[in-house]
């Protein structure tokens, strides 16, 4: 059975609202993808890193 996605709380780099990003705890050691903010609809660069001690998420602006 595959584990459920984990929610990582982050701040939108555009509007500053607190948002939750769902990430799978299992996968490549690092990945990046584009996802839109559910509040302001601007595109984020989502960077996910998976280590032995857990998953870390960083949101960047798509225009950086």
C-alpha atoms as a PDB file:
ATOM      1  CA  UNK A   1       0.000   0.000   0.000  1.00  0.00           C
ATOM      2  CA  UNK A   2       1.366   3.413  -1.000  1.00  0.00           C
ATOM      3  CA  UNK A   3       1.497   6.086   1.741  1.00  0.00           C
ATOM      4  CA  UNK A   4      -0.719   9.154   1.526  1.00  0.00           C
ATOM      5  CA  UNK A   5       0.637  12.501   0.392  1.00  0.00           C
ATOM      6  CA  UNK A   6       2.022  14.749   3.105  1.00  0.00           C
ATOM      7  CA  UNK A   7       0.958  18.374   3.385  1.00  0.00           C
ATOM      8  CA  UNK A   8       3.768  20.915   3.662  1.00  0.00           C
ATOM      9  CA  UNK A   9       2.739  24.389   4.848  1.00  0.00           C
ATOM     10  CA  UNK A  10       4.498  27.175   2.945  1.00  0.00           C
ATOM     11  CA  UNK A  11       4.034  30.869   2.138  1.00  0.00           C
ATOM     12  CA  UNK A  12       3.198  31.832  -1.434  1.00  0.00           C
ATOM     13  CA  UNK A  13       6.186  33.763  -2.833  1.00  0.00           C
ATOM     14  CA  UNK A  14       3.762  36.131  -4.617  1.00  0.00           C
ATOM     15  CA  UNK A  15       0.819  36.916  -2.309  1.00  0.00           C
ATOM     16  CA  UNK A  16       2.326  35.771   1.019  1.00  0.00           C
ATOM     17  CA  UNK A  17      -0.678  33.628   1.944  1.00  0.00           C
ATOM     18  CA  UNK A  18      -0.064  30.431   3.897  1.00  0.00           C
ATOM     19  CA  UNK A  19      -0.805  27.454   1.634  1.00  0.00           C
ATOM     20  CA  UNK A  20      -0.511  23.686   1.836  1.00  0.00           C
ATOM     21  CA  UNK A  21       1.415  21.784  -0.819  1.00  0.00           C
ATOM     22  CA  UNK A  22       0.728  18.043  -1.044  1.00  0.00           C
ATOM     23  CA  UNK A  23       3.848  15.968  -1.724  1.00  0.00           C
ATOM     24  CA  UNK A  24       4.399  12.240  -1.914  1.00  0.00           C
ATOM     25  CA  UNK A  25       6.860  11.011   0.729  1.00  0.00           C
ATOM     26  CA  UNK A  26       8.185   8.423  -1.734  1.00  0.00           C
ATOM     27  CA  UNK A  27       9.764   9.299  -5.059  1.00  0.00           C
ATOM     28  CA  UNK A  28      12.934  10.694  -6.587  1.00  0.00           C
ATOM     29  CA  UNK A  29      15.440  12.217  -4.154  1.00  0.00           C
ATOM     30  CA  UNK A  30      14.660  15.611  -5.667  1.00  0.00           C
ATOM     31  CA  UNK A  31      12.162  16.962  -8.153  1.00  0.00           C
ATOM     32  CA  UNK A  32      10.804  20.262  -9.421  1.00  0.00           C
ATOM     33  CA  UNK A  33       7.483  21.108 -10.996  1.00  0.00           C
ATOM     34  CA  UNK A  34       5.125  24.040 -11.587  1.00  0.00           C
ATOM     35  CA  UNK A  35       1.955  24.447  -9.528  1.00  0.00           C
ATOM     36  CA  UNK A  36      -0.442  27.395  -9.303  1.00  0.00           C
ATOM     37  CA  UNK A  37      -1.234  29.138  -6.011  1.00  0.00           C
ATOM     38  CA  UNK A  38      -4.820  28.316  -4.949  1.00  0.00           C
ATOM     39  CA  UNK A  39      -5.184  31.897  -3.630  1.00  0.00           C
ATOM     40  CA  UNK A  40      -3.656  34.220  -6.265  1.00  0.00           C
ATOM     41  CA  UNK A  41      -3.300  31.711  -9.163  1.00  0.00           C
ATOM     42  CA  UNK A  42       0.345  32.696  -9.868  1.00  0.00           C
ATOM     43  CA  UNK A  43       2.739  29.849 -10.849  1.00  0.00           C
ATOM     44  CA  UNK A  44       5.242  28.514  -8.309  1.00  0.00           C
ATOM     45  CA  UNK A  45       8.385  26.512  -8.922  1.00  0.00           C
ATOM     46  CA  UNK A  46       7.956  23.712  -6.394  1.00  0.00           C
ATOM     47  CA  UNK A  47      11.230  22.056  -5.343  1.00  0.00           C
ATOM     48  CA  UNK A  48      10.904  18.825  -3.359  1.00  0.00           C
ATOM     49  CA  UNK A  49      13.818  17.059  -1.639  1.00  0.00           C
ATOM     50  CA  UNK A  50      13.475  13.673   0.012  1.00  0.00           C
ATOM     51  CA  UNK A  51      16.004  12.648   2.637  1.00  0.00           C
ATOM     52  CA  UNK A  52      16.076   9.919   5.280  1.00  0.00           C
ATOM     53  CA  UNK A  53      14.751  12.404   7.842  1.00  0.00           C
ATOM     54  CA  UNK A  54      11.767  13.508   5.726  1.00  0.00           C
ATOM     55  CA  UNK A  55      10.580  15.653   2.870  1.00  0.00           C
ATOM     56  CA  UNK A  56      11.392  19.341   2.418  1.00  0.00           C
ATOM     57  CA  UNK A  57       9.534  21.714   0.106  1.00  0.00           C
ATOM     58  CA  UNK A  58      10.589  25.102  -1.221  1.00  0.00           C
ATOM     59  CA  UNK A  59       8.418  27.424  -3.306  1.00  0.00           C
ATOM     60  CA  UNK A  60      10.021  29.808  -5.768  1.00  0.00           C
ATOM     61  CA  UNK A  61       8.623  32.397  -8.123  1.00  0.00           C
ATOM     62  CA  UNK A  62       8.219  31.352 -11.735  1.00  0.00           C
ATOM     63  CA  UNK A  63       9.607  34.738 -12.871  1.00  0.00           C
ATOM     64  CA  UNK A  64      12.909  34.422 -10.952  1.00  0.00           C
END
